[in-house]
PDB file of N, CA and C in Angstrom:
ATOM      1  N   MET A   1       7.855  22.005 -33.930  1.00  0.00           N
ATOM      2  CA  MET A   1       8.979  21.984 -34.356  1.00  0.00           C
ATOM      3  C   MET A   1      10.309  21.739 -33.351  1.00  0.00           C
ATOM      4  N   LYS A   2      10.179  22.254 -32.260  1.00  0.00           N
ATOM      5  CA  LYS A   2      10.948  22.015 -31.263  1.00  0.00           C
ATOM      6  C   LYS A   2      11.008  20.350 -30.490  1.00  0.00           C
ATOM      7  N   GLU A   3       9.577  20.551 -30.353  1.00  0.00           N
ATOM      8  CA  GLU A   3       9.684  18.989 -29.898  1.00  0.00           C
ATOM      9  C   GLU A   3       9.397  17.601 -30.742  1.00  0.00           C
ATOM     10  N   THR A   4       9.227  18.157 -32.107  1.00  0.00           N
ATOM     11  CA  THR A   4      10.121  16.866 -33.223  1.00  0.00           C
ATOM     12  C   THR A   4      10.911  16.658 -32.828  1.00  0.00           C
ATOM     13  N   ILE A   5      11.879  18.020 -33.026  1.00  0.00           N
ATOM     14  CA  ILE A   5      13.657  17.686 -33.050  1.00  0.00           C
ATOM     15  C   ILE A   5      13.924  17.248 -31.786  1.00  0.00           C
ATOM     16  N   ASN A   6      13.501  17.291 -30.385  1.00  0.00           N
ATOM     17  CA  ASN A   6      13.780  16.574 -29.278  1.00  0.00           C
ATOM     18  C   ASN A   6      13.406  15.060 -29.772  1.00  0.00           C
ATOM     19  N   GLU A   7      12.075  14.989 -29.642  1.00  0.00           N
ATOM     20  CA  GLU A   7      12.003  13.458 -30.549  1.00  0.00           C
ATOM     21  C   GLU A   7      12.883  12.566 -31.366  1.00  0.00           C
ATOM     22  N   ILE A   8      13.347  13.300 -32.052  1.00  0.00           N
ATOM     23  CA  ILE A   8      14.725  12.667 -32.811  1.00  0.00           C
ATOM     24  C   ILE A   8      15.352  12.664 -32.512  1.00  0.00           C
ATOM     25  N   VAL A   9      16.368  13.472 -31.652  1.00  0.00           N
ATOM     26  CA  VAL A   9      17.665  13.374 -31.378  1.00  0.00           C
ATOM     27  C   VAL A   9      17.477  12.471 -30.094  1.00  0.00           C
ATOM     28  N   ILE A  10      16.591  12.675 -28.868  1.00  0.00           N
ATOM     29  CA  ILE A  10      16.089  11.473 -27.866  1.00  0.00           C
ATOM     30  C   ILE A  10      16.349  10.103 -28.606  1.00  0.00           C
ATOM     31  N   GLU A  11      15.334   9.593 -29.648  1.00  0.00           N
ATOM     32  CA  GLU A  11      15.569   8.597 -30.263  1.00  0.00           C
ATOM     33  C   GLU A  11      16.773   8.304 -30.468  1.00  0.00           C
ATOM     34  N   ILE A  12      17.343   8.650 -31.577  1.00  0.00           N
ATOM     35  CA  ILE A  12      18.468   8.630 -32.112  1.00  0.00           C
ATOM     36  C   ILE A  12      19.890   8.343 -31.092  1.00  0.00           C
ATOM     37  N   LEU A  13      19.709   9.007 -30.285  1.00  0.00           N
ATOM     38  CA  LEU A  13      20.606   9.006 -28.883  1.00  0.00           C
ATOM     39  C   LEU A  13      20.850   7.681 -27.995  1.00  0.00           C
ATOM     40  N   GLU A  14      19.469   7.613 -27.861  1.00  0.00           N
ATOM     41  CA  GLU A  14      18.597   6.376 -27.221  1.00  0.00           C
ATOM     42  C   GLU A  14      18.927   6.865 -26.013  1.00  0.00           C
ATOM     43  N   LEU A  15      18.023   7.969 -25.821  1.00  0.00           N
ATOM     44  CA  LEU A  15      18.131   8.654 -24.281  1.00  0.00           C
ATOM     45  C   LEU A  15      16.743   8.654 -23.247  1.00  0.00           C
ATOM     46  N   ASP A  16      16.664   8.420 -22.164  1.00  0.00           N
ATOM     47  CA  ASP A  16      15.549   8.654 -21.347  1.00  0.00           C
ATOM     48  C   ASP A  16      14.695  10.098 -21.268  1.00  0.00           C
ATOM     49  N   GLU A  17      15.522  11.111 -21.420  1.00  0.00           N
ATOM     50  CA  GLU A  17      15.045  12.096 -20.969  1.00  0.00           C
ATOM     51  C   GLU A  17      15.921  13.146 -21.905  1.00  0.00           C
ATOM     52  N   ALA A  18      15.257  14.689 -22.293  1.00  0.00           N
ATOM     53  CA  ALA A  18      16.279  15.787 -22.880  1.00  0.00           C
ATOM     54  C   ALA A  18      16.905  16.336 -21.732  1.00  0.00           C
ATOM     55  N   SER A  19      17.811  16.395 -21.308  1.00  0.00           N
ATOM     56  CA  SER A  19      18.310  17.132 -20.494  1.00  0.00           C
ATOM     57  C   SER A  19      19.448  18.127 -21.095  1.00  0.00           C
ATOM     58  N   GLU A  20      19.445  19.298 -21.236  1.00  0.00           N
ATOM     59  CA  GLU A  20      20.283  20.454 -21.375  1.00  0.00           C
ATOM     60  C   GLU A  20      21.870  19.828 -21.712  1.00  0.00           C
ATOM     61  N   GLU A  21      22.564  18.748 -20.928  1.00  0.00           N
ATOM     62  CA  GLU A  21      23.771  18.406 -20.976  1.00  0.00           C
ATOM     63  C   GLU A  21      23.698  17.092 -22.171  1.00  0.00           C
ATOM     64  N   LEU A  22      22.644  16.784 -21.932  1.00  0.00           N
ATOM     65  CA  LEU A  22      22.652  15.358 -22.766  1.00  0.00           C
ATOM     66  C   LEU A  22      22.520  15.839 -24.736  1.00  0.00           C
ATOM     67  N   LEU A  23      21.911  16.800 -24.781  1.00  0.00           N
ATOM     68  CA  LEU A  23      21.614  17.562 -25.959  1.00  0.00           C
ATOM     69  C   LEU A  23      22.569  18.430 -26.333  1.00  0.00           C
ATOM     70  N   ASP A  24      24.103  18.245 -25.746  1.00  0.00           N
ATOM     71  CA  ASP A  24      25.139  19.101 -26.114  1.00  0.00           C
ATOM     72  C   ASP A  24      26.076  18.164 -27.317  1.00  0.00           C
ATOM     73  N   ARG A  25      26.749  18.307 -27.699  1.00  0.00           N
ATOM     74  CA  ARG A  25      27.663  17.138 -28.496  1.00  0.00           C
ATOM     75  C   ARG A  25      28.966  16.955 -27.644  1.00  0.00           C
ATOM     76  N   GLU A  26      29.583  18.260 -27.032  1.00  0.00           N
ATOM     77  CA  GLU A  26      30.724  18.112 -26.357  1.00  0.00           C
ATOM     78  C   GLU A  26      30.327  17.470 -24.708  1.00  0.00           C
ATOM     79  N   LYS A  27      29.045  17.056 -24.605  1.00  0.00           N
ATOM     80  CA  LYS A  27      28.918  17.015 -23.287  1.00  0.00           C
ATOM     81  C   LYS A  27      28.043  15.588 -22.845  1.00  0.00           C
ATOM     82  N   ASN A  28      28.307  14.840 -24.788  1.00  0.00           N
ATOM     83  CA  ASN A  28      27.333  13.807 -24.734  1.00  0.00           C
ATOM     84  C   ASN A  28      27.779  12.868 -25.483  1.00  0.00           C
ATOM     85  N   ALA A  29      28.941  12.335 -24.672  1.00  0.00           N
ATOM     86  CA  ALA A  29      29.613  11.523 -25.491  1.00  0.00           C
ATOM     87  C   ALA A  29      28.595   9.907 -26.336  1.00  0.00           C
ATOM     88  N   THR A  30      27.452   9.670 -26.332  1.00  0.00           N
ATOM     89  CA  THR A  30      27.118   9.100 -27.294  1.00  0.00           C
ATOM     90  C   THR A  30      26.878   9.881 -28.386  1.00  0.00           C
ATOM     91  N   TRP A  31      26.876  11.378 -28.731  1.00  0.00           N
ATOM     92  CA  TRP A  31      26.210  12.058 -29.773  1.00  0.00           C
ATOM     93  C   TRP A  31      27.983  12.290 -30.537  1.00  0.00           C
ATOM     94  N   ASP A  32      28.192  11.100 -31.313  1.00  0.00           N
ATOM     95  CA  ASP A  32      29.392  10.952 -32.108  1.00  0.00           C
ATOM     96  C   ASP A  32      28.964  11.151 -33.502  1.00  0.00           C
ATOM     97  N   SER A  33      30.109  11.092 -34.365  1.00  0.00           N
ATOM     98  CA  SER A  33      30.124  11.570 -35.959  1.00  0.00           C
ATOM     99  C   SER A  33      28.990  10.920 -36.528  1.00  0.00           C
ATOM    100  N   ILE A  34      28.984   9.428 -36.336  1.00  0.00           N
ATOM    101  CA  ILE A  34      27.459   8.647 -37.074  1.00  0.00           C
ATOM    102  C   ILE A  34      26.597   9.197 -36.076  1.00  0.00           C
ATOM    103  N   LYS A  35      26.002   9.267 -35.323  1.00  0.00           N
ATOM    104  CA  LYS A  35      24.972   9.389 -34.319  1.00  0.00           C
ATOM    105  C   LYS A  35      24.536  11.297 -34.857  1.00  0.00           C
ATOM    106  N   HIS A  36      25.386  11.822 -35.276  1.00  0.00           N
ATOM    107  CA  HIS A  36      25.301  13.690 -35.936  1.00  0.00           C
ATOM    108  C   HIS A  36      24.941  13.557 -36.887  1.00  0.00           C
ATOM    109  N   LEU A  37      25.381  12.572 -37.961  1.00  0.00           N
ATOM    110  CA  LEU A  37      24.814  12.425 -39.232  1.00  0.00           C
ATOM    111  C   LEU A  37      22.985  11.535 -39.184  1.00  0.00           C
ATOM    112  N   GLU A  38      23.088  10.807 -38.504  1.00  0.00           N
ATOM    113  CA  GLU A  38      21.868  10.258 -38.265  1.00  0.00           C
ATOM    114  C   GLU A  38      20.751  11.535 -37.690  1.00  0.00           C
ATOM    115  N   ILE A  39      21.430  12.149 -37.046  1.00  0.00           N
ATOM    116  CA  ILE A  39      20.354  13.225 -36.451  1.00  0.00           C
ATOM    117  C   ILE A  39      19.964  14.099 -37.579  1.00  0.00           C
ATOM    118  N   ILE A  40      20.989  14.652 -38.186  1.00  0.00           N
ATOM    119  CA  ILE A  40      20.851  15.660 -39.556  1.00  0.00           C
ATOM    120  C   ILE A  40      20.089  15.092 -40.608  1.00  0.00           C
ATOM    121  N   MET A  41      20.220  13.559 -40.825  1.00  0.00           N
ATOM    122  CA  MET A  41      19.787  13.153 -42.034  1.00  0.00           C
ATOM    123  C   MET A  41      18.168  13.003 -41.494  1.00  0.00           C
ATOM    124  N   ALA A  42      17.783  12.729 -40.194  1.00  0.00           N
ATOM    125  CA  ALA A  42      16.527  12.526 -39.811  1.00  0.00           C
ATOM    126  C   ALA A  42      15.408  13.584 -39.952  1.00  0.00           C
ATOM    127  N   ILE A  43      16.212  15.018 -39.592  1.00  0.00           N
ATOM    128  CA  ILE A  43      15.596  16.031 -39.360  1.00  0.00           C
ATOM    129  C   ILE A  43      15.538  16.411 -40.735  1.00  0.00           C
ATOM    130  N   GLU A  44      16.499  16.702 -41.806  1.00  0.00           N
ATOM    131  CA  GLU A  44      16.125  16.668 -43.316  1.00  0.00           C
ATOM    132  C   GLU A  44      15.175  16.140 -43.832  1.00  0.00           C
ATOM    133  N   GLU A  45      14.893  15.201 -43.279  1.00  0.00           N
ATOM    134  CA  GLU A  45      13.692  13.958 -43.553  1.00  0.00           C
ATOM    135  C   GLU A  45      12.539  14.481 -43.165  1.00  0.00           C
ATOM    136  N   GLU A  46      12.383  14.645 -42.186  1.00  0.00           N
ATOM    137  CA  GLU A  46      10.880  15.145 -41.322  1.00  0.00           C
ATOM    138  C   GLU A  46      10.721  16.422 -41.590  1.00  0.00           C
ATOM    139  N   PHE A  47      11.457  17.317 -42.438  1.00  0.00           N
ATOM    140  CA  PHE A  47      11.061  18.505 -42.572  1.00  0.00           C
ATOM    141  C   PHE A  47      11.294  19.376 -43.937  1.00  0.00           C
ATOM    142  N   ASP A  48      11.717  18.231 -44.357  1.00  0.00           N
ATOM    143  CA  ASP A  48      12.052  18.356 -45.724  1.00  0.00           C
ATOM    144  C   ASP A  48      12.911  19.704 -46.407  1.00  0.00           C
ATOM    145  N   ILE A  49      13.919  19.417 -45.643  1.00  0.00           N
ATOM    146  CA  ILE A  49      14.491  20.822 -46.148  1.00  0.00           C
ATOM    147  C   ILE A  49      16.080  20.069 -46.170  1.00  0.00           C
ATOM    148  N   ARG A  50      17.503  20.781 -46.297  1.00  0.00           N
ATOM    149  CA  ARG A  50      18.947  20.088 -46.502  1.00  0.00           C
ATOM    150  C   ARG A  50      19.555  21.096 -45.693  1.00  0.00           C
ATOM    151  N   PHE A  51      20.576  20.463 -45.331  1.00  0.00           N
ATOM    152  CA  PHE A  51      21.750  21.080 -44.264  1.00  0.00           C
ATOM    153  C   PHE A  51      22.660  21.625 -45.072  1.00  0.00           C
ATOM    154  N   THR A  52      23.681  22.615 -45.421  1.00  0.00           N
ATOM    155  CA  THR A  52      24.627  22.591 -46.090  1.00  0.00           C
ATOM    156  C   THR A  52      25.631  21.948 -45.179  1.00  0.00           C
ATOM    157  N   ALA A  53      26.896  21.799 -45.711  1.00  0.00           N
ATOM    158  CA  ALA A  53      28.166  20.754 -45.065  1.00  0.00           C
ATOM    159  C   ALA A  53      28.487  21.814 -43.900  1.00  0.00           C
ATOM    160  N   THR A  54      28.506  23.169 -44.180  1.00  0.00           N
ATOM    161  CA  THR A  54      29.039  24.373 -43.220  1.00  0.00           C
ATOM    162  C   THR A  54      27.901  23.685 -42.073  1.00  0.00           C
ATOM    163  N   GLU A  55      26.845  24.234 -42.285  1.00  0.00           N
ATOM    164  CA  GLU A  55      25.950  24.139 -41.246  1.00  0.00           C
ATOM    165  C   GLU A  55      25.708  22.463 -40.347  1.00  0.00           C
ATOM    166  N   VAL A  56      26.570  21.297 -41.541  1.00  0.00           N
ATOM    167  CA  VAL A  56      26.216  20.423 -40.497  1.00  0.00           C
ATOM    168  C   VAL A  56      27.435  20.370 -39.483  1.00  0.00           C
ATOM    169  N   THR A  57      28.414  20.649 -39.704  1.00  0.00           N
ATOM    170  CA  THR A  57      29.760  20.782 -39.026  1.00  0.00           C
ATOM    171  C   THR A  57      29.420  22.014 -37.845  1.00  0.00           C
ATOM    172  N   ALA A  58      28.570  22.805 -38.008  1.00  0.00           N
ATOM    173  CA  ALA A  58      28.615  23.703 -36.605  1.00  0.00           C
ATOM    174  C   ALA A  58      27.476  23.603 -35.986  1.00  0.00           C
ATOM    175  N   VAL A  59      26.692  22.772 -36.300  1.00  0.00           N
ATOM    176  CA  VAL A  59      25.903  22.081 -35.187  1.00  0.00           C
ATOM    177  C   VAL A  59      26.580  21.536 -34.325  1.00  0.00           C
ATOM    178  N   LYS A  60      26.419  22.400 -32.797  1.00  0.00           N
ATOM    179  CA  LYS A  60      27.152  21.999 -31.268  1.00  0.00           C
ATOM    180  C   LYS A  60      26.029  21.231 -30.471  1.00  0.00           C
ATOM    181  N   ASN A  61      24.887  21.673 -30.844  1.00  0.00           N
ATOM    182  CA  ASN A  61      24.076  21.547 -29.816  1.00  0.00           C
ATOM    183  C   ASN A  61      22.546  21.645 -30.449  1.00  0.00           C
ATOM    184  N   ILE A  62      21.577  21.548 -29.312  1.00  0.00           N
ATOM    185  CA  ILE A  62      20.188  21.253 -29.755  1.00  0.00           C
ATOM    186  C   ILE A  62      19.678  22.794 -30.348  1.00  0.00           C
ATOM    187  N   GLN A  63      20.336  23.696 -29.559  1.00  0.00           N
ATOM    188  CA  GLN A  63      20.119  24.839 -29.900  1.00  0.00           C
ATOM    189  C   GLN A  63      20.299  25.287 -31.236  1.00  0.00           C
ATOM    190  N   ASP A  64      21.153  25.124 -31.906  1.00  0.00           N
ATOM    191  CA  ASP A  64      22.047  24.874 -33.222  1.00  0.00           C
ATOM    192  C   ASP A  64      20.724  24.113 -34.203  1.00  0.00           C
ATOM    193  N   LEU A  65      20.279  23.365 -33.682  1.00  0.00           N
ATOM    194  CA  LEU A  65      19.567  22.559 -34.713  1.00  0.00           C
ATOM    195  C   LEU A  65      18.103  23.080 -34.675  1.00  0.00           C
ATOM    196  N   TYR A  66      17.804  23.863 -33.737  1.00  0.00           N
ATOM    197  CA  TYR A  66      16.607  24.667 -33.650  1.00  0.00           C
ATOM    198  C   TYR A  66      16.635  25.833 -34.416  1.00  0.00           C
ATOM    199  N   ALA A  67      17.712  26.608 -34.375  1.00  0.00           N
ATOM    200  CA  ALA A  67      17.984  27.625 -34.944  1.00  0.00           C
ATOM    201  C   ALA A  67      18.033  27.432 -36.688  1.00  0.00           C
ATOM    202  N   TYR A  68      18.720  26.143 -37.018  1.00  0.00           N
ATOM    203  CA  TYR A  68      19.089  26.079 -38.437  1.00  0.00           C
ATOM    204  C   TYR A  68      17.653  25.582 -39.103  1.00  0.00           C
ATOM    205  N   VAL A  69      16.621  24.701 -38.216  1.00  0.00           N
ATOM    206  CA  VAL A  69      15.581  24.394 -38.970  1.00  0.00           C
ATOM    207  C   VAL A  69      14.701  25.461 -39.201  1.00  0.00           C
ATOM    208  N   GLU A  70      14.646  26.512 -37.863  1.00  0.00           N
ATOM    209  CA  GLU A  70      13.376  27.416 -38.456  1.00  0.00           C
ATOM    210  C   GLU A  70      13.850  28.561 -38.884  1.00  0.00           C
ATOM    211  N   LYS A  71      14.827  28.788 -39.317  1.00  0.00           N
ATOM    212  CA  LYS A  71      15.644  29.743 -40.721  1.00  0.00           C
ATOM    213  C   LYS A  71      15.150  28.795 -41.726  1.00  0.00           C
ATOM    214  N   LYS A  72      15.350  27.807 -42.237  1.00  0.00           N
ATOM    215  CA  LYS A  72      14.964  26.796 -43.478  1.00  0.00           C
ATOM    216  C   LYS A  72      13.629  27.138 -43.380  1.00  0.00           C
ATOM    217  N   LEU A  73      12.598  27.017 -42.686  1.00  0.00           N
ATOM    218  CA  LEU A  73      11.607  26.438 -42.926  1.00  0.00           C
ATOM    219  C   LEU A  73      10.655  28.226 -42.910  1.00  0.00           C
ATOM    220  N   VAL A  74      11.534  29.210 -42.817  1.00  0.00           N
ATOM    221  CA  VAL A  74      10.582  30.433 -43.339  1.00  0.00           C
ATOM    222  C   VAL A  74      10.589  31.222 -44.251  1.00  0.00           C
TER     223      VAL A  74
END
């Protein structure tokens, strides 16, 4: 699951690799609101889940994405 999420984020943000700094919204200028929604929608489609509006705004980094997806897949 984490590898799939990493691949989605790396592809959408057009990164060469996944570093902790680049996978944090506040530290990565390319992770803007549009890219954020693209990431959320791609993850929803990939895992057939839905995020609430509160969850979407609460996601600040890749770790948050892991936690929400894991919780929804249980």
